[in-house]
Protein backbone atom coordinates (compact mmCIF):
# COMPACT_ATOMS: atom_id res chain seq x y z
CA UNK A 1 -0.44 0.25 -0.07
CA UNK A 2 3.16 1.84 0.77
CA UNK A 3 4.44 1.49 -2.65
CA UNK A 4 1.04 2.34 -4.40
CA UNK A 5 0.75 6.11 -2.55
CA UNK A 6 4.46 6.54 -3.26
CA UNK A 7 3.93 6.22 -7.04
CA UNK A 8 0.68 7.49 -6.98
CA UNK A 9 2.44 10.63 -5.89
CA UNK A 10 5.44 10.62 -7.85
CA UNK A 11 2.97 10.41 -11.22
CA UNK A 12 0.57 13.43 -10.10
CA UNK A 13 4.28 15.33 -9.61
CA UNK A 14 3.34 15.90 -5.64
CA UNK A 15 6.51 14.28 -4.78
CA UNK A 16 9.61 15.74 -3.26
CA UNK A 17 13.05 15.04 -3.50
CA UNK A 18 13.19 14.08 0.38
CA UNK A 19 10.25 11.89 0.05
CA UNK A 20 11.86 9.77 -3.24
CA UNK A 21 14.64 8.42 -0.95
CA UNK A 22 12.18 6.11 1.07
CA UNK A 23 10.56 4.78 -2.21
CA UNK A 24 13.63 2.31 -2.86
CA UNK A 25 13.70 1.57 0.78
CA UNK A 26 9.58 0.58 0.99
CA UNK A 27 10.68 -1.66 -2.02
CA UNK A 28 13.54 -3.35 -0.35
CA UNK A 29 11.36 -3.85 2.47
CA UNK A 30 8.22 -5.57 1.00
CA UNK A 31 10.69 -7.65 -0.93
CA UNK A 32 12.41 -9.40 2.23
CA UNK A 33 9.24 -9.47 4.31
CA UNK A 34 7.20 -11.87 1.68
CA UNK A 35 10.10 -13.45 0.95
CA UNK A 36 10.46 -14.27 5.25
CA UNK A 37 6.74 -15.34 4.94
CA UNK A 38 6.62 -16.91 1.62
CA UNK A 39 9.32 -19.25 2.72
CA UNK A 40 9.36 -19.59 6.60
CA UNK A 41 6.29 -17.77 8.29
CA UNK A 42 3.57 -18.90 5.37
CA UNK A 43 1.24 -16.05 7.79
CA UNK A 44 -2.07 -14.98 6.38
CA UNK A 45 -2.14 -11.30 5.23
CA UNK A 46 -5.01 -9.60 6.66
CA UNK A 47 -7.07 -7.21 4.02
CA UNK A 48 -5.36 -3.57 3.89
CA UNK A 49 -9.32 -1.91 5.05
CA UNK A 50 -8.86 -4.70 8.24
CA UNK A 51 -5.93 -2.75 9.30
CA UNK A 52 -6.28 -0.11 11.43
CA UNK A 53 -5.22 3.68 9.73
CA UNK A 54 -1.96 4.86 9.53
CA UNK A 55 -1.76 8.27 11.97
CA UNK A 56 -0.71 11.54 10.70
CA UNK A 57 2.62 12.97 11.40
CA UNK A 58 2.38 16.85 12.72
CA UNK A 59 4.94 18.49 10.64
CA UNK A 60 4.01 22.23 11.64
CA UNK A 61 2.03 23.41 14.95
CA UNK A 62 0.16 26.86 15.13
CA UNK A 63 1.60 28.72 17.79
CA UNK A 64 0.70 32.52 18.68
CA UNK A 65 3.22 35.43 18.41
CA UNK A 66 3.35 36.90 21.51
CA UNK A 67 3.41 40.79 21.73
CA UNK A 68 6.39 41.25 20.17
CA UNK A 69 8.45 38.44 17.84
CA UNK A 70 11.28 40.65 19.33
CA UNK A 71 11.50 41.78 22.73
CA UNK A 72 14.80 43.63 22.69
CA UNK A 73 13.35 45.49 20.27
CA UNK A 74 11.60 49.29 20.52
CA UNK A 75 8.07 49.28 19.05
CA UNK A 76 8.16 51.57 16.18
CA UNK A 77 4.52 52.63 16.83
CA UNK A 78 5.18 53.83 20.43
CA UNK A 79 5.82 57.58 19.31
CA UNK A 80 2.68 57.54 17.26
CA UNK A 81 0.38 60.20 18.67
CA UNK A 82 -3.31 61.88 17.71
CA UNK A 83 -2.59 64.87 15.08
CA UNK A 84 -3.88 66.80 18.00
CA UNK A 85 -1.81 65.59 20.82
CA UNK A 86 1.42 66.17 18.19
CA UNK A 87 0.78 69.81 17.64
CA UNK A 88 0.44 70.50 21.00
CA UNK A 89 3.33 68.74 21.66
CA UNK A 90 5.03 71.40 19.48
CA UNK A 91 3.41 73.95 20.97
CA UNK A 92 4.90 73.28 24.48
CA UNK A 93 8.60 72.92 23.39
CA UNK A 94 8.30 75.80 21.34
CA UNK A 95 7.20 77.72 24.56
CA UNK A 96 9.66 75.87 26.53
CA UNK A 97 12.44 77.04 23.95
CA UNK A 98 11.82 80.30 23.91
CA UNK A 99 11.71 80.77 28.14
CA UNK A 100 15.25 79.09 28.40
CA UNK A 101 16.50 80.77 24.93
CA UNK A 102 15.34 84.25 26.41
CA UNK A 103 16.72 83.62 30.33
CA UNK A 104 20.91 82.69 29.41
CA UNK A 105 20.50 85.69 26.99
CA UNK A 106 19.60 87.28 29.85
CA UNK A 107 22.48 86.16 32.75
CA UNK A 108 24.95 86.74 29.58
CA UNK A 109 24.40 90.07 29.01
CA UNK A 110 24.14 90.21 32.24
CA UNK A 111 27.92 88.62 32.79
CA UNK A 112 28.91 90.54 29.56
CA UNK A 113 27.70 94.13 31.53
CA UNK A 114 30.01 93.07 34.29
CA UNK A 115 32.92 91.55 32.51
CA UNK A 116 33.48 95.21 30.59
CA UNK A 117 33.24 97.18 34.58
CA UNK A 118 35.62 94.94 36.08
CA UNK A 119 37.95 96.05 32.44
CA UNK A 120 37.17 98.86 32.36
CA UNK A 121 38.59 98.70 36.93
CA UNK A 122 41.40 96.70 35.89
CA UNK A 123 39.88 94.13 38.28
CA UNK A 124 40.86 91.64 39.42
CA UNK A 125 44.74 92.42 37.30
CA UNK A 126 45.38 95.84 39.67
CA UNK A 127 44.64 93.76 42.71
CA UNK A 128 47.73 91.26 41.40
CA UNK A 129 49.84 94.15 40.43
CA UNK A 130 50.04 95.19 44.58
CA UNK A 131 54.14 95.01 44.26
CA UNK A 132 54.23 97.49 41.55
CA UNK A 133 57.34 95.97 39.81
CA UNK A 134 56.15 92.59 38.78
CA UNK A 135 53.96 91.60 35.76
CA UNK A 136 49.96 90.64 37.21
CA UNK A 137 49.42 87.01 37.02
CA UNK A 138 45.79 87.93 34.97
CA UNK A 139 47.69 89.10 32.36
CA UNK A 140 50.33 86.53 31.72
CA UNK A 141 47.46 84.31 31.49
CA UNK A 142 45.73 86.37 28.92
CA UNK A 143 49.43 86.99 26.92
CA UNK A 144 49.68 83.52 26.93
CA UNK A 145 46.12 82.62 25.46
CA UNK A 146 47.40 84.93 23.12
CA UNK A 147 49.72 83.12 21.83
CA UNK A 148 48.64 80.03 21.60
CA UNK A 149 45.59 81.07 19.46
CA UNK A 150 48.41 82.79 16.60
CA UNK A 151 48.93 85.66 18.36
CA UNK A 152 48.87 88.50 15.40
CA UNK A 153 50.22 85.92 12.29
CA UNK A 154 46.77 84.65 12.35
CA UNK A 155 44.60 87.32 12.57
CA UNK A 156 46.66 88.91 10.12
CA UNK A 157 46.25 85.66 7.90
CA UNK A 158 42.49 85.60 8.21
CA UNK A 159 42.60 89.22 7.28
CA UNK A 160 44.39 88.55 3.85
CA UNK A 161 41.67 85.92 3.27
CA UNK A 162 38.55 87.70 3.59
CA UNK A 163 38.77 90.30 0.51
CA UNK A 164 39.75 87.53 -2.07
CA UNK A 165 36.57 85.31 -0.82
CA UNK A 166 34.79 88.43 -0.96
CA UNK A 167 35.42 88.88 -4.24
CA UNK A 168 35.53 85.42 -5.73
CA UNK A 169 31.87 85.77 -3.93
CA UNK A 170 31.34 89.43 -5.89
CA UNK A 171 32.07 87.03 -9.63
CA UNK A 172 30.15 84.39 -8.84
CA UNK A 173 27.28 86.99 -8.40
CA UNK A 174 28.26 89.31 -11.41
CA UNK A 175 28.76 85.75 -13.35
CA UNK A 176 25.21 84.92 -12.55
CA UNK A 177 23.49 88.46 -13.08
CA UNK A 178 25.07 88.65 -16.55
CA UNK A 179 23.42 85.06 -17.63
CA UNK A 180 20.02 85.73 -16.81
CA UNK A 181 20.15 89.26 -18.47
CA UNK A 182 21.51 87.34 -22.11
CA UNK A 183 19.52 85.18 -21.70
CA UNK A 184 16.22 87.75 -21.25
CA UNK A 185 17.73 90.00 -24.13
CA UNK A 186 18.17 87.13 -25.97
CA UNK A 187 14.15 86.85 -25.54
CA UNK A 188 13.07 90.15 -25.10
CA UNK A 189 14.83 90.98 -29.18
CA UNK A 190 13.11 87.53 -30.62
CA UNK A 191 10.12 88.92 -29.11
CA UNK A 192 10.32 91.62 -30.87
CA UNK A 193 11.44 90.45 -34.21
CA UNK A 194 8.53 87.24 -34.45
CA UNK A 195 5.65 89.78 -32.74
CA UNK A 196 2.97 87.40 -32.00
CA UNK A 197 4.11 84.20 -33.68
CA UNK A 198 6.61 84.35 -30.26
CA UNK A 199 3.95 82.36 -27.59
CA UNK A 200 6.73 81.44 -25.04
CA UNK A 201 6.77 82.83 -21.26
CA UNK A 202 8.99 85.94 -20.87
CA UNK A 203 12.04 85.43 -19.46
CA UNK A 204 10.97 88.11 -16.88
CA UNK A 205 8.07 86.51 -15.65
CA UNK A 206 10.48 82.89 -14.64
CA UNK A 207 13.80 84.47 -13.74
CA UNK A 208 12.45 86.31 -10.77
CA UNK A 209 12.81 83.93 -8.36
CA UNK A 210 16.54 83.72 -9.46
CA UNK A 211 16.60 87.39 -9.17
CA UNK A 212 15.28 87.85 -5.80
CA UNK A 213 17.70 85.38 -5.03
CA UNK A 214 20.08 86.64 -6.60
CA UNK A 215 19.77 90.32 -4.80
CA UNK A 216 19.13 88.70 -1.50
CA UNK A 217 22.77 86.93 -2.10
CA UNK A 218 24.06 90.31 -2.93
CA UNK A 219 22.92 92.08 -0.05
CA UNK A 220 24.29 89.82 2.15
CA UNK A 221 27.58 90.02 0.67
CA UNK A 222 27.57 93.57 0.78
CA UNK A 223 26.42 93.67 4.79
CA UNK A 224 29.65 91.07 5.32
CA UNK A 225 31.77 93.15 3.75
CA UNK A 226 31.02 96.45 5.43
CA UNK A 227 30.95 93.64 8.92
CA UNK A 228 35.39 93.39 7.57
CA UNK A 229 35.73 96.67 7.54
CA UNK A 230 34.02 97.29 10.88
CA UNK A 231 36.66 94.14 12.24
CA UNK A 232 39.25 95.92 10.65
CA UNK A 233 39.07 98.84 12.24
CA UNK A 234 38.92 97.55 15.52
CA UNK A 235 42.31 95.56 15.09
CA UNK A 236 43.59 98.68 14.47
CA UNK A 237 42.95 99.99 17.41
CA UNK A 238 44.10 97.69 19.47
CA UNK A 239 47.17 96.45 17.34
CA UNK A 240 50.00 98.38 19.50
CA UNK A 241 47.94 96.44 22.57
CA UNK A 242 47.88 93.26 21.12
CA UNK A 243 51.39 93.10 19.73
CA UNK A 244 52.80 93.58 23.26
CA UNK A 245 50.86 90.92 24.49
CA UNK A 246 52.30 88.92 21.79
CA UNK A 247 56.25 89.32 23.86
CA UNK A 248 58.48 88.09 25.49
CA UNK A 249 57.06 87.60 29.78
CA UNK A 250 60.70 89.48 30.46
CA UNK A 251 60.36 92.63 27.33
CA UNK A 252 56.63 93.17 28.70
CA UNK A 253 56.96 93.47 32.10
CA UNK A 254 60.04 95.71 31.83
CA UNK A 255 57.84 96.95 28.63
CA UNK A 256 55.76 98.55 31.95
CA UNK A 257 55.98 101.63 33.97
CA UNK A 258 56.77 100.62 37.63
CA UNK A 259 54.32 101.60 40.45
CA UNK A 260 53.98 102.11 44.51
CA UNK A 261 53.56 99.20 46.48
CA UNK A 262 49.61 98.72 48.45
CA UNK A 263 49.91 95.58 49.65
CA UNK A 264 48.41 96.82 52.99
CA UNK A 265 46.57 99.48 51.83
CA UNK A 266 43.03 97.70 53.57
CA UNK A 267 41.04 98.48 50.02
CA UNK A 268 42.47 95.86 48.91
CA UNK A 269 41.66 92.83 50.71
CA UNK A 270 37.99 94.39 50.19
CA UNK A 271 38.42 94.49 46.95
CA UNK A 272 39.29 90.33 46.89
CA UNK A 273 36.34 89.57 48.71
CA UNK A 274 34.25 91.51 46.31
CA UNK A 275 36.08 89.66 43.53
CA UNK A 276 35.31 86.07 45.77
CA UNK A 277 31.82 87.01 45.15
CA UNK A 278 32.38 87.90 41.34
CA UNK A 279 33.32 83.97 40.75
CA UNK A 280 30.92 82.95 43.08
CA UNK A 281 27.85 84.92 41.20
CA UNK A 282 29.07 84.01 37.66
CA UNK A 283 29.83 80.08 39.23
CA UNK A 284 26.02 80.35 40.36
CA UNK A 285 24.89 81.84 36.95
CA UNK A 286 26.52 78.70 35.06
CA UNK A 287 24.38 75.62 37.45
CA UNK A 288 21.68 78.00 36.56
CA UNK A 289 21.90 78.22 33.05
CA UNK A 290 22.62 73.78 32.58
CA UNK A 291 19.33 73.36 35.10
CA UNK A 292 16.99 74.80 32.25
CA UNK A 293 18.75 73.01 30.11
CA UNK A 294 18.94 69.97 31.59
CA UNK A 295 14.74 69.82 32.31
CA UNK A 296 13.01 67.23 30.25
CA UNK A 297 9.38 67.63 30.81
CA UNK A 298 6.60 64.92 28.83
CA UNK A 299 3.95 66.16 28.37
CA UNK A 300 2.37 63.61 26.09
CA UNK A 301 0.58 61.97 28.92
CA UNK A 302 -1.63 64.95 30.24
CA UNK A 303 -2.20 66.02 25.96
CA UNK A 304 -3.42 62.05 25.63
CA UNK A 305 -5.52 62.41 29.34
CA UNK A 306 -6.62 65.62 28.09
CA UNK A 307 -8.10 64.53 25.17
CA UNK A 308 -9.36 61.80 26.28
CA UNK A 309 -11.35 62.95 28.71
CA UNK A 310 -11.86 66.01 27.03
CA UNK A 311 -11.58 65.64 23.38
CA UNK A 312 -9.72 68.08 22.90
CA UNK A 313 -5.70 69.50 23.84
CA UNK A 314 -6.58 73.38 26.19
CA UNK A 315 -2.64 73.67 25.02
CA UNK A 316 -2.24 77.31 25.89
CA UNK A 317 -3.49 76.54 29.75
CA UNK A 318 -2.11 73.39 30.26
CA UNK A 319 1.34 74.54 28.69
CA UNK A 320 1.40 77.68 30.85
CA UNK A 321 0.96 75.86 33.70
CA UNK A 322 3.48 73.14 34.05
CA UNK A 323 6.08 75.91 32.83
CA UNK A 324 5.02 77.67 35.08
CA UNK A 325 5.63 75.06 37.66
CA UNK A 326 9.20 74.03 36.30
CA UNK A 327 10.60 77.26 35.11
CA UNK A 328 9.49 79.68 38.01
CA UNK A 329 11.33 78.59 40.69
CA UNK A 330 14.45 78.99 38.70
CA UNK A 331 12.66 82.20 36.80
CA UNK A 332 12.70 83.78 40.92
CA UNK A 333 17.02 82.18 41.28
CA UNK A 334 18.10 84.02 38.17
CA UNK A 335 16.47 87.51 39.60
CA UNK A 336 18.14 87.34 42.65
CA UNK A 337 21.60 86.94 40.70
CA UNK A 338 20.69 89.55 38.68
CA UNK A 339 19.65 91.87 41.58
CA UNK A 340 23.08 90.76 43.67
CA UNK A 341 25.09 91.55 41.12
CA UNK A 342 23.57 95.30 40.30
CA UNK A 343 24.53 95.37 44.69
CA UNK A 344 28.12 93.60 43.80
CA UNK A 345 29.13 96.49 41.23
CA UNK A 346 27.90 99.35 43.15
CA UNK A 347 30.27 97.60 46.33
CA UNK A 348 32.38 97.39 43.73
CA UNK A 349 33.09 100.73 42.42
CA UNK A 350 33.45 101.86 46.02
CA UNK A 351 35.98 99.92 47.11
CA UNK A 352 37.67 100.93 43.70
CA UNK A 353 37.63 104.49 44.29
CA UNK A 354 39.27 104.18 48.01
CA UNK A 355 41.88 101.66 46.03
CA UNK A 356 42.42 103.63 43.50
CA UNK A 357 42.86 106.95 45.78
CA UNK A 358 45.28 105.00 47.98
CA UNK A 359 47.71 104.00 44.99
CA UNK A 360 47.60 106.52 42.08
CA UNK A 361 49.96 108.97 43.87
CA UNK A 362 52.14 108.99 41.25
CA UNK A 363 52.39 109.56 37.22
CA UNK A 364 54.18 106.45 37.00
CA UNK A 365 50.97 104.41 38.75
CA UNK A 366 48.66 105.58 36.86
CA UNK A 367 49.90 105.12 33.48
CA UNK A 368 50.94 101.25 34.10
CA UNK A 369 47.37 101.53 35.04
CA UNK A 370 45.99 102.20 32.11
CA UNK A 371 48.56 100.06 30.58
CA UNK A 372 47.36 97.39 32.18
CA UNK A 373 43.44 98.31 31.65
CA UNK A 374 44.50 98.40 28.10
CA UNK A 375 45.85 95.23 27.93
CA UNK A 376 42.67 93.48 29.41
CA UNK A 377 41.08 94.96 27.19
CA UNK A 378 42.96 93.89 23.84
CA UNK A 379 43.01 90.61 25.11
CA UNK A 380 39.52 90.16 25.04
CA UNK A 381 38.94 92.12 22.02
CA UNK A 382 42.05 89.74 20.55
CA UNK A 383 39.49 87.34 21.08
CA UNK A 384 36.77 89.03 19.51
CA UNK A 385 38.23 89.71 16.89
CA UNK A 386 39.20 86.38 15.80
CA UNK A 387 35.93 84.62 16.78
CA UNK A 388 35.10 87.73 14.03
CA UNK A 389 37.44 86.61 11.93
CA UNK A 390 37.39 82.76 12.06
CA UNK A 391 33.08 83.19 11.57
CA UNK A 392 33.48 86.00 8.16
CA UNK A 393 35.55 82.75 7.05
CA UNK A 394 33.53 80.19 7.64
CA UNK A 395 30.75 82.91 6.33
CA UNK A 396 32.39 83.21 2.54
CA UNK A 397 33.07 79.50 2.56
CA UNK A 398 29.78 77.86 3.25
CA UNK A 399 29.04 81.24 0.94
CA UNK A 400 30.65 80.10 -2.32
CA UNK A 401 29.31 77.34 -1.91
CA UNK A 402 25.96 77.89 -1.90
CA UNK A 403 26.58 80.58 -4.46
CA UNK A 404 27.99 77.87 -6.69
CA UNK A 405 25.05 75.73 -6.91
CA UNK A 406 22.95 78.72 -7.32
CA UNK A 407 25.00 79.18 -10.70
CA UNK A 408 24.57 76.14 -11.91
CA UNK A 409 20.37 76.55 -11.29
CA UNK A 410 20.94 79.38 -13.27
CA UNK A 411 23.20 77.87 -15.77
CA UNK A 412 20.64 74.74 -16.45
CA UNK A 413 17.77 77.56 -16.63
CA UNK A 414 19.55 79.34 -19.52
CA UNK A 415 20.36 75.82 -20.71
CA UNK A 416 16.90 74.76 -20.84
CA UNK A 417 15.73 78.00 -22.59
CA UNK A 418 18.19 78.37 -25.28
CA UNK A 419 17.64 75.08 -26.66
CA UNK A 420 13.61 75.78 -25.89
CA UNK A 421 14.31 79.20 -27.97
CA UNK A 422 16.23 77.20 -30.77
CA UNK A 423 13.22 74.26 -31.16
CA UNK A 424 10.45 77.79 -31.68
CA UNK A 425 12.71 79.11 -33.50
CA UNK A 426 13.58 76.25 -35.87
CA UNK A 427 9.88 75.49 -36.06
CA UNK A 428 8.31 79.10 -36.95
CA UNK A 429 11.12 79.28 -39.96
CA UNK A 430 9.91 76.00 -41.74
CA UNK A 431 6.24 77.95 -40.86
CA UNK A 432 7.52 80.34 -43.26
CA UNK A 433 9.42 78.15 -45.26
CA UNK A 434 5.54 76.99 -45.69
CA UNK A 435 4.36 79.32 -46.99
CA UNK A 436 7.05 80.84 -48.93
CA UNK A 437 6.55 77.41 -51.09
CA UNK A 438 2.38 77.85 -51.73
CA UNK A 439 0.79 77.09 -55.38
CA UNK A 440 1.24 80.22 -57.56
CA UNK A 441 -2.25 81.33 -58.52
CA UNK A 442 -3.57 81.66 -61.59
CA UNK A 443 -3.55 84.90 -63.33
CA UNK A 444 -7.15 86.81 -64.03
CA UNK A 445 -9.27 85.57 -66.74
CA UNK A 446 -8.91 89.09 -69.05
CA UNK A 447 -5.19 88.59 -68.71
CA UNK A 448 -6.36 85.43 -71.41
CA UNK A 449 -8.83 87.12 -73.40
CA UNK A 450 -6.51 88.14 -76.55
CA UNK A 451 -4.37 85.18 -76.41
CA UNK A 452 -4.09 82.70 -79.64
CA UNK A 453 -5.67 79.40 -79.12
CA UNK A 454 -2.12 76.89 -78.93
CA UNK A 455 -1.46 75.21 -81.74
CA UNK A 456 -2.67 71.55 -81.51
CA UNK A 457 0.53 69.20 -80.83
CA UNK A 458 1.85 66.68 -84.26
CA UNK A 459 0.16 63.28 -84.36
CA UNK A 460 2.78 60.50 -82.60
CA UNK A 461 3.85 58.14 -84.65
CA UNK A 462 3.90 54.56 -82.95
CA UNK A 463 4.33 50.21 -83.97
CA UNK A 464 0.00 51.03 -85.66
CA UNK A 465 1.17 54.44 -87.79
CA UNK A 466 0.79 53.00 -91.51
CA UNK A 467 3.78 54.14 -93.61
CA UNK A 468 3.27 55.49 -97.82
CA UNK A 469 1.89 52.51 -100.33
CA UNK A 470 5.17 51.14 -101.78
CA UNK A 471 6.06 51.87 -105.32
CA UNK A 472 6.90 48.85 -107.91
CA UNK A 473 9.92 49.50 -110.16
CA UNK A 474 8.92 46.59 -112.27
CA UNK A 475 11.20 44.45 -110.90
CA UNK A 476 11.47 41.12 -111.99
CA UNK A 477 10.45 39.51 -108.97
CA UNK A 478 11.97 36.09 -107.04
CA UNK A 479 11.72 32.53 -109.04
CA UNK A 480 9.92 29.74 -107.96
CA UNK A 481 13.20 27.70 -107.64
CA UNK A 482 14.35 30.31 -105.07
CA UNK A 483 10.69 30.63 -103.36
CA UNK A 484 11.22 27.05 -102.49
CA UNK A 485 14.73 27.54 -100.91
CA UNK A 486 13.94 27.93 -97.17
CA UNK A 487 14.69 31.60 -96.69
CA UNK A 488 16.30 32.70 -92.80
CA UNK A 489 14.18 35.18 -91.05
CA UNK A 490 15.22 38.38 -91.08
CA UNK A 491 13.34 41.25 -89.40
CA UNK A 492 12.87 44.77 -92.30
CA UNK A 493 12.29 47.86 -91.87
CA UNK A 494 8.87 49.14 -92.13
CA UNK A 495 9.87 51.37 -95.55
CA UNK A 496 10.07 49.31 -98.97
CA UNK A 497 13.72 48.92 -100.16
CA UNK A 498 14.91 50.26 -103.25
CA UNK A 499 17.67 49.10 -105.87
CA UNK A 500 19.12 52.29 -106.23
CA UNK A 501 19.42 55.14 -105.62
CA UNK A 502 17.69 55.08 -102.53
CA UNK A 503 14.96 57.59 -101.61
CA UNK A 504 15.59 59.41 -98.39
CA UNK A 505 13.66 58.10 -96.09
CA UNK A 506 11.73 60.22 -93.72
CA UNK A 507 11.41 59.80 -89.56
CA UNK A 508 8.05 59.86 -88.94
CA UNK A 509 5.02 60.64 -90.91
CA UNK A 510 4.31 64.41 -91.25
CA UNK A 511 1.24 65.39 -92.19
CA UNK A 512 1.62 68.91 -93.16
CA UNK A 513 4.45 67.90 -95.62
CA UNK A 514 5.25 65.61 -98.66
CA UNK A 515 7.45 63.54 -99.70
CA UNK A 516 10.15 64.65 -101.99
CA UNK A 517 11.55 62.10 -104.12
CA UNK A 518 14.66 61.97 -106.14
CA UNK A 519 13.44 61.64 -110.15
CA UNK A 520 14.90 58.85 -111.55
CA UNK A 521 17.24 59.25 -114.88
CA UNK A 522 14.77 58.25 -118.20
CA UNK A 523 14.72 55.08 -119.84
CA UNK A 524 16.47 55.77 -123.89
CA UNK A 525 13.39 56.97 -125.59
CA UNK A 526 11.23 57.79 -122.73
CA UNK A 527 9.03 60.79 -123.19
CA UNK A 528 8.59 61.72 -119.58
CA UNK A 529 4.73 61.07 -118.18
CA UNK A 530 1.74 63.19 -118.70
CA UNK A 531 1.00 65.57 -115.52
CA UNK A 532 -1.17 64.49 -112.54
CA UNK A 533 -2.89 66.52 -110.92
CA UNK A 534 -3.20 65.81 -107.14
CA UNK A 535 -0.44 66.65 -104.46
CA UNK A 536 2.10 64.16 -105.59
CA UNK A 537 4.45 64.41 -108.52
CA UNK A 538 4.87 61.10 -109.42
CA UNK A 539 2.31 58.36 -110.66
CA UNK A 540 0.68 56.15 -107.50
CA UNK A 541 2.62 53.30 -107.49
CA UNK A 542 0.76 49.36 -107.05
CA UNK A 543 1.41 47.47 -103.85
CA UNK A 544 3.03 44.27 -103.79
CA UNK A 545 0.80 41.10 -103.64
CA UNK A 546 1.18 40.04 -100.00
CA UNK A 547 3.43 37.44 -99.31
CA UNK A 548 5.73 38.84 -101.16
CA UNK A 549 8.88 41.11 -101.22
CA UNK A 550 9.74 44.26 -102.92
CA UNK A 551 13.46 43.30 -103.05
CA UNK A 552 14.90 40.40 -104.93
CA UNK A 553 15.87 37.58 -102.28
CA UNK A 554 19.21 35.55 -101.91
CA UNK A 555 19.28 31.80 -102.22
CA UNK A 556 20.01 29.95 -99.55
CA UNK A 557 24.01 28.74 -99.57
CA UNK A 558 24.46 26.00 -97.32
CA UNK A 559 27.42 26.37 -95.01
CA UNK A 560 30.92 24.61 -96.33
CA UNK A 561 33.27 23.93 -93.46
């Protein structure tokens, strides 16, 4: 039964290669068992229908998938939110970013103002110069920082690079403007030449967005060039003091005027304590900025809850409430910090006035104090100038890349318009040529009123044209014996041949003329012919009988080798 099932499966083509290997095994086992039963056991073979059916093996078992096929993977739809919730989250993030940026800008501006006040008072460098002869540590640090950043060489190199970068951008803009102008002028010229036949879109309408972008880029380059002039002016103003910071420490110390020692003055201790408060104030601000940026607020749960309960999301109310709870305490601490700075600046100014009275008791001390202030300001200006120059160089390079892409776009536009222009001009020229090749109009009827009728064409002479009847000149015909000799068939001309002389044969029959025949010499005793009426000067000749030839036949002579 298994063999029959395997053969049936094989005949139907449903037997795979894996099961084909079982067919020889089944056949071999069947033959062995049958052989043993026939020779040894002689057992009765039961009917197949009386046997229990073979059970079916479960080749595959359906199993329900779990919630995640890969437990370590993240659900890609977990961040999917309703549209109202997504819009509310975006609005909330925008409000939060505005608060953070506003508070950061507020503290940074206060810090810059504090640094400017301290630099104008030469603090804390003035407290380090209590001996009046050594170089203050703050000036040493600032001079070292200037040298590490490259000093004057880097600034000069960046200043020398700016004009070439600016010129490169101007050249690209000029080339873009030239291409647009040439394309528009060409379109205008052809429009004036062809008039209403030039139906394509005007260039001024298509290149308007490109011209707007071109003007924007030109304005950006002009603004950057003006900023370069401001930076250059600031550099020239502090160039000498920056050069002093680039000098070696010994030479810088020697160039400073000598001052009076004020280390034992009480104002010095007071200013040092205030400087420590300034550092503490700056550290607190850095910590506040970090807290502002590190606050992470997830409003998805609140917005989803409001959407499910109320049917809509009141983003403004929920956002203002949450932002007030989170950033309200931070804003209060920031305000306290700014108020503390105002009081601290007031105390520093009072203490510095006392310090200046105790210190500035000589002209050299005043010069030294002023020079130290200028050196401190030169360091700050150098850092600012270097940042401006690097930013300007980066701006020009990035703008050059943008302008090159913009130039390629304009080039593609002009090429497309040129191709379109050539096709339109070609079509218009074809139309003009087709219009010039029209058939010539007929003349009016009155132009042909006095003309004579056209002469009819002469008749055509074909194969069936009749020749004039041949004349019988009285020559003897061929004998009967010669006629019985088989003759070779030969093609003859349509006009009869004459022995001698031969009359001229006309090329074609002319109904308007007469055939002129030369007269034959008269025979002896010939008195001449009477005059006959008619158009021919000679009498009509009788036509030879059918089957005879008007000239004697040549006798057949067999060929002899």
